[in-house]
């Protein structure tokens, strides 16, 4: 009897230990991602389930709360822009922190963050000169091969891994993830674009200085709309926005600008030498001559949209010199511009109809439908919320 009791105790102890070991065994976590195989591939896009990685020092594992389809991604889908394949596209997004290995004590699990569209080394002379977007070791989210790093490099997925040199900013509670998603591309870039003529850190003072100034924005896409409200909040007396699309111009009017149809009498009614600032945000070289006509001597011309080979301009150095012009080329942005963009959007969220810019939400499995809607240009941005079941 004693021997039987001993073996029963041993059996109970063995299964208890085994059960504990089974319970302690870590469960693998998986996520989903949309893999871009190339514009000519069949299929072009495929959704796959993959194991989430263990993060390294300085990295953040985030769950994508919302992502939006940028025009550069459309160019990639259409074969107008070459990217390495296979890859995970998408760089406009908002994340919720799932895990992190950062020394930054301000980052906590559950935080909603926006992030720079690129990762920087923070050590080269360009980073030290506040030109982070031209870092010698630049890595851009949504534009890299799936084998680069963890493979979770883009926003068309349930998760993304942010690298150590990526600047992140917490989102205030008054900013919905859908509206904040394009903030880290279009709005931050426009904050950088107006930086030569607008100091967002002292808007009250700016409003007095700019009360007699005029700006012309060339292009009523999302970049142009954001530029309009930046000039509006900086106190510019008149802000004109030109485009060929009536529906876009109607929206520009809601975002602080006076709409001008390209080629119309309104466009030609703009007087010579009448604008203090001209900001190109359309990517079309033919608008440049009109900009040169209306810009004042001593004015500033900001170029942001013509980031493609078909951008040779018909201008002479004499024209620039005789008008004493300052011409700025703006490409992407740095960490400070992202911080300013978050604050600006939060401060103005109730003043402008931001929700009208964003489509109904699509799930990750509806990516093809979302892309087709983006191609139609019905909305300024098409939203993907990976956890959504339907639009």
Protein backbone atom coordinates (compact mmCIF):
# COMPACT_ATOMS: atom_id res chain seq x y z
CA UNK A 1 0.00 0.00 0.00
CA UNK A 2 2.82 2.38 0.90
CA UNK A 3 4.57 1.58 -2.37
CA UNK A 4 1.37 2.30 -4.34
CA UNK A 5 0.97 5.67 -2.62
CA UNK A 6 4.57 6.53 -3.45
CA UNK A 7 4.07 5.84 -7.18
CA UNK A 8 0.81 7.79 -7.21
CA UNK A 9 2.62 10.79 -5.73
CA UNK A 10 5.42 10.43 -8.28
CA UNK A 11 2.90 10.23 -11.16
CA UNK A 12 1.03 13.31 -9.92
CA UNK A 13 4.31 15.21 -9.53
CA UNK A 14 5.44 14.26 -13.07
CA UNK A 15 2.23 15.41 -14.79
CA UNK A 16 2.12 18.59 -12.70
CA UNK A 17 5.67 19.45 -13.78
CA UNK A 18 4.94 18.60 -17.40
CA UNK A 19 1.81 20.76 -17.33
CA UNK A 20 3.79 23.68 -15.87
CA UNK A 21 6.44 23.30 -18.57
CA UNK A 22 3.79 23.26 -21.29
CA UNK A 23 2.15 26.39 -19.85
CA UNK A 24 5.47 28.21 -19.69
CA UNK A 25 6.38 27.46 -23.29
CA UNK A 26 6.11 30.76 -25.21
CA UNK A 27 3.32 31.00 -27.76
CA UNK A 28 4.42 32.20 -31.19
CA UNK A 29 2.74 35.43 -32.26
CA UNK A 30 1.68 35.91 -35.86
CA UNK A 31 0.56 38.82 -37.97
CA UNK A 32 -0.59 39.39 -41.52
CA UNK A 33 1.06 41.41 -44.26
CA UNK A 34 0.38 42.27 -47.89
CA UNK A 35 3.34 41.29 -50.05
CA UNK A 36 3.92 43.28 -53.23
CA UNK A 37 5.40 41.01 -55.91
CA UNK A 38 5.77 43.64 -58.65
CA UNK A 39 3.33 45.40 -61.02
CA UNK A 40 3.57 42.66 -63.67
CA UNK A 41 3.30 39.73 -61.25
CA UNK A 42 0.21 37.52 -61.00
CA UNK A 43 -0.98 38.20 -58.43
CA UNK A 44 0.56 41.60 -57.87
CA UNK A 45 -0.36 41.45 -54.18
CA UNK A 46 -0.78 38.51 -51.84
CA UNK A 47 -1.71 38.39 -48.16
CA UNK A 48 0.32 36.07 -45.96
CA UNK A 49 0.52 35.18 -42.30
CA UNK A 50 4.00 35.35 -40.78
CA UNK A 51 5.62 35.08 -37.38
CA UNK A 52 6.27 38.37 -35.61
CA UNK A 53 9.95 38.91 -34.83
CA UNK A 54 11.75 39.33 -31.56
CA UNK A 55 12.71 42.99 -31.40
CA UNK A 56 16.26 44.22 -30.88
CA UNK A 57 17.67 47.11 -28.88
CA UNK A 58 15.93 50.40 -29.66
CA UNK A 59 13.18 48.85 -31.77
CA UNK A 60 9.41 49.16 -31.41
CA UNK A 61 6.87 46.54 -32.39
CA UNK A 62 3.67 48.33 -33.31
CA UNK A 63 0.22 47.25 -34.36
CA UNK A 64 -1.01 49.27 -37.32
CA UNK A 65 -4.13 51.18 -36.25
CA UNK A 66 -4.62 52.91 -39.61
CA UNK A 67 -2.68 53.33 -42.84
CA UNK A 68 -3.37 55.46 -45.91
CA UNK A 69 -2.40 54.97 -49.54
CA UNK A 70 0.04 57.64 -50.69
CA UNK A 71 0.42 58.69 -54.32
CA UNK A 72 3.94 57.26 -54.41
CA UNK A 73 2.50 53.82 -53.61
CA UNK A 74 0.04 54.17 -56.48
CA UNK A 75 2.97 54.92 -58.79
CA UNK A 76 4.63 51.74 -57.55
CA UNK A 77 1.50 49.65 -58.16
CA UNK A 78 1.24 51.10 -61.67
CA UNK A 79 4.91 50.45 -62.48
CA UNK A 80 5.80 54.15 -62.67
CA UNK A 81 8.13 53.83 -59.70
CA UNK A 82 10.62 51.02 -59.21
CA UNK A 83 10.90 49.39 -55.80
CA UNK A 84 12.63 46.16 -54.71
CA UNK A 85 10.35 43.13 -54.64
CA UNK A 86 9.00 41.33 -52.83
CA UNK A 87 8.25 44.09 -50.32
CA UNK A 88 5.68 45.43 -47.88
CA UNK A 89 4.52 48.82 -49.14
CA UNK A 90 2.96 51.65 -47.14
CA UNK A 91 4.61 54.39 -45.10
CA UNK A 92 1.70 56.55 -43.91
CA UNK A 93 0.36 55.14 -40.68
CA UNK A 94 -0.39 55.22 -36.98
CA UNK A 95 0.71 52.46 -34.61
CA UNK A 96 -0.10 51.24 -31.13
CA UNK A 97 2.96 50.07 -29.20
CA UNK A 98 2.80 46.32 -28.55
CA UNK A 99 6.36 45.94 -27.31
CA UNK A 100 9.56 47.95 -27.33
CA UNK A 101 13.23 47.78 -26.37
CA UNK A 102 13.83 51.52 -26.09
CA UNK A 103 15.71 53.36 -23.38
CA UNK A 104 13.17 56.16 -23.81
CA UNK A 105 11.03 55.95 -20.67
CA UNK A 106 8.34 58.09 -22.34
CA UNK A 107 7.31 55.19 -24.58
CA UNK A 108 4.88 52.69 -23.10
CA UNK A 109 2.87 49.75 -24.33
CA UNK A 110 -0.47 50.97 -25.59
CA UNK A 111 0.79 54.38 -26.75
CA UNK A 112 -0.41 55.58 -30.15
CA UNK A 113 2.48 56.89 -32.19
CA UNK A 114 3.25 58.47 -35.50
CA UNK A 115 6.75 58.03 -36.86
CA UNK A 116 9.16 59.44 -39.43
CA UNK A 117 8.87 57.69 -42.78
CA UNK A 118 12.61 57.03 -42.60
CA UNK A 119 15.13 55.70 -40.10
CA UNK A 120 18.28 57.79 -39.55
CA UNK A 121 21.73 57.03 -38.16
CA UNK A 122 21.66 60.25 -36.09
CA UNK A 123 25.46 60.45 -36.36
CA UNK A 124 26.47 61.56 -39.87
CA UNK A 125 27.10 65.19 -40.83
CA UNK A 126 23.72 65.39 -42.56
CA UNK A 127 21.86 64.30 -39.45
CA UNK A 128 23.91 66.75 -37.39
CA UNK A 129 22.95 69.47 -39.91
CA UNK A 130 19.23 68.76 -39.45
CA UNK A 131 19.03 67.17 -42.88
CA UNK A 132 18.04 63.78 -41.51
CA UNK A 133 16.05 62.85 -44.61
CA UNK A 134 19.34 62.73 -46.54
CA UNK A 135 21.16 60.61 -43.95
CA UNK A 136 24.00 58.54 -45.40
CA UNK A 137 22.43 55.41 -43.88
CA UNK A 138 18.80 56.23 -44.67
CA UNK A 139 16.19 53.48 -44.52
CA UNK A 140 12.66 54.23 -45.79
CA UNK A 141 9.61 52.38 -44.59
CA UNK A 142 7.45 50.86 -47.30
CA UNK A 143 10.24 51.03 -49.88
CA UNK A 144 12.51 48.14 -48.91
CA UNK A 145 12.95 44.47 -49.76
CA UNK A 146 11.12 42.10 -47.44
CA UNK A 147 14.46 40.51 -46.47
CA UNK A 148 15.79 43.82 -45.13
CA UNK A 149 15.73 43.68 -41.35
CA UNK A 150 12.72 42.00 -39.78
CA UNK A 151 10.64 42.03 -42.96
CA UNK A 152 7.93 44.01 -41.19
CA UNK A 153 8.90 47.24 -42.91
CA UNK A 154 5.65 48.61 -44.30
CA UNK A 155 2.19 49.75 -43.20
CA UNK A 156 0.08 47.40 -45.32
CA UNK A 157 0.24 44.85 -42.55
CA UNK A 158 -1.12 44.21 -39.08
CA UNK A 159 2.26 45.10 -37.54
CA UNK A 160 5.44 47.03 -38.23
CA UNK A 161 8.86 47.13 -36.55
CA UNK A 162 10.30 50.62 -36.13
CA UNK A 163 14.07 50.80 -36.07
CA UNK A 164 16.31 52.40 -33.48
CA UNK A 165 16.92 55.68 -35.34
CA UNK A 166 13.27 56.36 -36.18
CA UNK A 167 11.78 59.44 -34.57
CA UNK A 168 8.39 58.80 -32.97
CA UNK A 169 5.79 61.18 -31.56
CA UNK A 170 2.82 60.39 -29.33
CA UNK A 171 -0.58 61.31 -30.70
CA UNK A 172 -2.97 63.38 -28.58
CA UNK A 173 -6.32 61.79 -27.77
CA UNK A 174 -8.20 64.28 -29.96
CA UNK A 175 -6.59 62.93 -33.15
CA UNK A 176 -8.37 59.90 -34.66
CA UNK A 177 -5.94 57.39 -36.14
CA UNK A 178 -7.64 57.62 -39.56
CA UNK A 179 -7.08 61.36 -39.78
CA UNK A 180 -3.57 61.20 -38.35
CA UNK A 181 -2.35 58.45 -40.70
CA UNK A 182 -1.13 60.73 -43.56
CA UNK A 183 0.38 63.15 -41.06
CA UNK A 184 3.81 61.50 -41.21
CA UNK A 185 4.10 62.05 -44.96
CA UNK A 186 2.01 64.83 -46.50
CA UNK A 187 1.53 67.16 -43.53
CA UNK A 188 5.07 66.84 -42.15
CA UNK A 189 6.46 67.49 -45.65
CA UNK A 190 4.34 70.64 -45.96
CA UNK A 191 5.45 71.82 -42.54
CA UNK A 192 9.00 71.56 -43.89
CA UNK A 193 7.97 73.27 -47.14
CA UNK A 194 6.54 76.36 -45.47
CA UNK A 195 9.36 76.50 -42.93
CA UNK A 196 11.39 79.04 -44.98
CA UNK A 197 8.51 81.54 -44.78
CA UNK A 198 6.43 80.47 -41.76
CA UNK A 199 7.60 79.93 -38.17
CA UNK A 200 5.09 77.53 -36.67
CA UNK A 201 6.60 78.03 -33.23
CA UNK A 202 5.37 81.65 -33.07
CA UNK A 203 2.13 81.78 -35.01
CA UNK A 204 0.73 84.78 -33.12
CA UNK A 205 3.70 86.88 -34.12
CA UNK A 206 3.56 85.46 -37.64
CA UNK A 207 -0.04 86.52 -38.12
CA UNK A 208 0.87 90.17 -37.65
CA UNK A 209 3.89 89.96 -39.94
CA UNK A 210 1.99 88.14 -42.69
CA UNK A 211 -1.25 90.13 -42.61
CA UNK A 212 -0.52 91.73 -45.99
CA UNK A 213 1.15 88.79 -47.71
CA UNK A 214 -0.12 86.64 -50.58
CA UNK A 215 0.67 83.01 -51.41
CA UNK A 216 -0.05 80.90 -54.48
CA UNK A 217 -0.23 77.12 -54.06
CA UNK A 218 0.07 75.17 -57.30
CA UNK A 219 -1.87 71.94 -56.83
CA UNK A 220 -4.95 71.08 -54.77
CA UNK A 221 -3.98 67.56 -53.77
CA UNK A 222 -3.44 66.70 -50.11
CA UNK A 223 -0.11 68.54 -50.06
CA UNK A 224 -1.74 71.67 -51.42
CA UNK A 225 -4.65 71.52 -48.96
CA UNK A 226 -2.29 71.18 -46.02
CA UNK A 227 -0.22 74.09 -47.35
CA UNK A 228 -3.38 76.19 -47.53
CA UNK A 229 -4.22 75.84 -43.85
CA UNK A 230 -0.59 76.34 -42.84
CA UNK A 231 -0.57 79.70 -44.63
CA UNK A 232 -4.07 80.45 -43.28
CA UNK A 233 -3.06 79.83 -39.69
CA UNK A 234 0.08 81.91 -40.26
CA UNK A 235 -2.08 84.90 -41.12
CA UNK A 236 -1.57 85.28 -44.87
CA UNK A 237 -4.04 87.79 -46.28
CA UNK A 238 -4.69 85.93 -49.53
CA UNK A 239 -4.00 82.29 -50.36
CA UNK A 240 -4.70 81.17 -53.90
CA UNK A 241 -4.73 77.52 -54.93
CA UNK A 242 -4.67 76.48 -58.60
CA UNK A 243 -5.61 73.13 -60.10
CA UNK A 244 -7.48 71.65 -63.07
CA UNK A 245 -9.95 69.60 -61.00
CA UNK A 246 -13.15 71.32 -59.85
CA UNK A 247 -13.80 68.91 -56.98
CA UNK A 248 -10.32 69.43 -55.58
CA UNK A 249 -10.69 73.19 -55.83
CA UNK A 250 -13.99 72.97 -53.96
CA UNK A 251 -12.17 71.20 -51.14
CA UNK A 252 -9.33 73.75 -51.22
CA UNK A 253 -11.89 76.44 -50.48
CA UNK A 254 -12.85 74.56 -47.30
CA UNK A 255 -9.18 74.54 -46.28
CA UNK A 256 -8.56 78.26 -46.39
CA UNK A 257 -7.65 78.90 -50.04
CA UNK A 258 -9.19 80.88 -52.90
CA UNK A 259 -9.59 78.34 -55.75
CA UNK A 260 -8.29 79.13 -59.24
CA UNK A 261 -8.98 76.90 -62.23
CA UNK A 262 -5.84 76.53 -64.34
CA UNK A 263 -6.26 78.14 -67.75
CA UNK A 264 -9.24 80.20 -66.64
CA UNK A 265 -9.67 83.95 -66.51
CA UNK A 266 -9.15 83.73 -62.75
CA UNK A 267 -5.62 82.46 -63.26
CA UNK A 268 -4.70 85.22 -65.65
CA UNK A 269 -6.30 87.80 -63.36
CA UNK A 270 -3.46 87.26 -60.92
CA UNK A 271 -1.25 90.27 -61.45
CA UNK A 272 2.43 90.14 -62.31
CA UNK A 273 4.68 90.34 -59.24
CA UNK A 274 1.74 89.90 -56.85
CA UNK A 275 2.68 86.86 -54.70
CA UNK A 276 5.19 86.81 -51.87
CA UNK A 277 5.36 83.01 -51.94
CA UNK A 278 4.67 80.43 -54.63
CA UNK A 279 4.55 76.79 -53.52
CA UNK A 280 4.52 74.07 -56.17
CA UNK A 281 2.77 70.92 -54.95
CA UNK A 282 1.43 69.38 -58.15
CA UNK A 283 4.44 67.76 -59.82
CA UNK A 284 3.71 69.40 -63.18
CA UNK A 285 6.54 71.42 -64.74
CA UNK A 286 4.24 73.55 -66.92
CA UNK A 287 3.05 75.56 -63.90
CA UNK A 288 6.52 76.98 -63.26
CA UNK A 289 6.33 79.81 -65.80
CA UNK A 290 3.08 81.06 -64.29
CA UNK A 291 4.71 80.98 -60.88
CA UNK A 292 7.63 83.01 -62.15
CA UNK A 293 5.21 85.56 -63.60
CA UNK A 294 3.27 86.21 -60.41
CA UNK A 295 6.06 85.98 -57.83
CA UNK A 296 7.25 89.31 -56.42
CA UNK A 297 10.85 90.47 -56.56
CA UNK A 298 12.44 89.16 -53.40
CA UNK A 299 9.88 86.36 -53.22
CA UNK A 300 10.28 82.70 -52.32
CA UNK A 301 9.50 79.82 -54.66
CA UNK A 302 9.19 76.42 -52.97
CA UNK A 303 9.34 73.27 -55.11
CA UNK A 304 8.01 70.05 -53.58
CA UNK A 305 6.09 67.99 -56.15
CA UNK A 306 8.34 67.52 -59.17
CA UNK A 307 10.25 64.54 -57.82
CA UNK A 308 10.55 62.77 -61.17
CA UNK A 309 12.72 62.96 -64.32
CA UNK A 310 10.19 64.94 -66.38
CA UNK A 311 10.91 68.14 -64.50
CA UNK A 312 13.25 70.15 -66.71
CA UNK A 313 12.29 73.80 -66.27
CA UNK A 314 12.28 76.61 -68.79
CA UNK A 315 14.06 79.27 -66.74
CA UNK A 316 17.25 81.26 -66.97
CA UNK A 317 19.56 82.30 -64.19
CA UNK A 318 18.92 85.90 -65.25
CA UNK A 319 15.22 85.58 -64.41
CA UNK A 320 16.04 84.36 -60.92
CA UNK A 321 18.77 86.92 -60.32
CA UNK A 322 16.88 89.96 -61.60
CA UNK A 323 13.92 89.10 -59.36
CA UNK A 324 16.22 88.43 -56.39
CA UNK A 325 14.37 85.16 -55.79
CA UNK A 326 14.96 82.46 -53.23
CA UNK A 327 14.19 78.98 -54.54
CA UNK A 328 13.86 76.09 -52.12
CA UNK A 329 13.74 72.42 -53.05
CA UNK A 330 11.99 70.46 -50.32
CA UNK A 331 12.07 66.67 -50.14
CA UNK A 332 10.52 64.87 -47.17
CA UNK A 333 11.29 66.26 -43.69
CA UNK A 334 13.11 65.81 -40.40
CA UNK A 335 12.10 64.91 -36.80
CA UNK A 336 11.24 68.47 -35.74
CA UNK A 337 8.79 68.85 -38.62
CA UNK A 338 6.92 65.72 -37.51
CA UNK A 339 6.55 67.10 -33.99
CA UNK A 340 5.25 70.40 -35.38
CA UNK A 341 2.83 68.57 -37.68
CA UNK A 342 1.30 66.66 -34.76
CA UNK A 343 0.81 69.82 -32.73
CA UNK A 344 -0.61 71.72 -35.71
CA UNK A 345 -3.13 69.00 -36.54
CA UNK A 346 -4.18 68.70 -32.91
CA UNK A 347 -4.63 72.48 -32.59
CA UNK A 348 -6.74 72.75 -35.75
CA UNK A 349 -8.65 69.44 -35.70
CA UNK A 350 -11.97 71.20 -35.04
CA UNK A 351 -11.43 74.04 -37.52
CA UNK A 352 -11.23 72.15 -40.82
CA UNK A 353 -13.14 69.15 -42.28
CA UNK A 354 -10.24 66.68 -42.13
CA UNK A 355 -12.58 63.69 -42.10
CA UNK A 356 -13.77 64.62 -45.60
CA UNK A 357 -10.28 63.89 -46.94
CA UNK A 358 -10.31 60.22 -45.93
CA UNK A 359 -12.30 57.35 -47.45
CA UNK A 360 -14.30 54.79 -45.50
CA UNK A 361 -11.98 52.20 -44.01
CA UNK A 362 -10.97 48.97 -45.75
CA UNK A 363 -9.59 45.83 -44.17
CA UNK A 364 -6.23 44.36 -45.10
CA UNK A 365 -7.98 41.67 -47.14
CA UNK A 366 -9.66 44.41 -49.19
CA UNK A 367 -6.37 45.93 -50.30
CA UNK A 368 -7.14 45.52 -54.01
CA UNK A 369 -10.47 47.33 -53.61
CA UNK A 370 -8.74 50.07 -51.64
CA UNK A 371 -6.14 50.53 -54.38
CA UNK A 372 -8.81 50.75 -57.07
CA UNK A 373 -10.60 53.43 -55.07
CA UNK A 374 -7.32 55.30 -54.62
CA UNK A 375 -6.76 55.22 -58.39
CA UNK A 376 -10.15 56.87 -58.93
CA UNK A 377 -9.00 59.88 -56.84
CA UNK A 378 -12.45 60.14 -55.30
CA UNK A 379 -10.78 60.68 -51.94
CA UNK A 380 -7.54 62.44 -51.08
CA UNK A 381 -6.51 59.38 -49.11
CA UNK A 382 -7.90 55.85 -48.91
CA UNK A 383 -7.72 54.35 -45.44
CA UNK A 384 -6.81 50.80 -44.46
CA UNK A 385 -7.49 49.61 -40.93
CA UNK A 386 -6.02 46.09 -40.75
CA UNK A 387 -8.35 44.94 -37.98
CA UNK A 388 -11.48 46.13 -39.80
CA UNK A 389 -13.69 43.42 -41.29
CA UNK A 390 -15.37 45.50 -43.99
CA UNK A 391 -15.56 49.03 -45.36
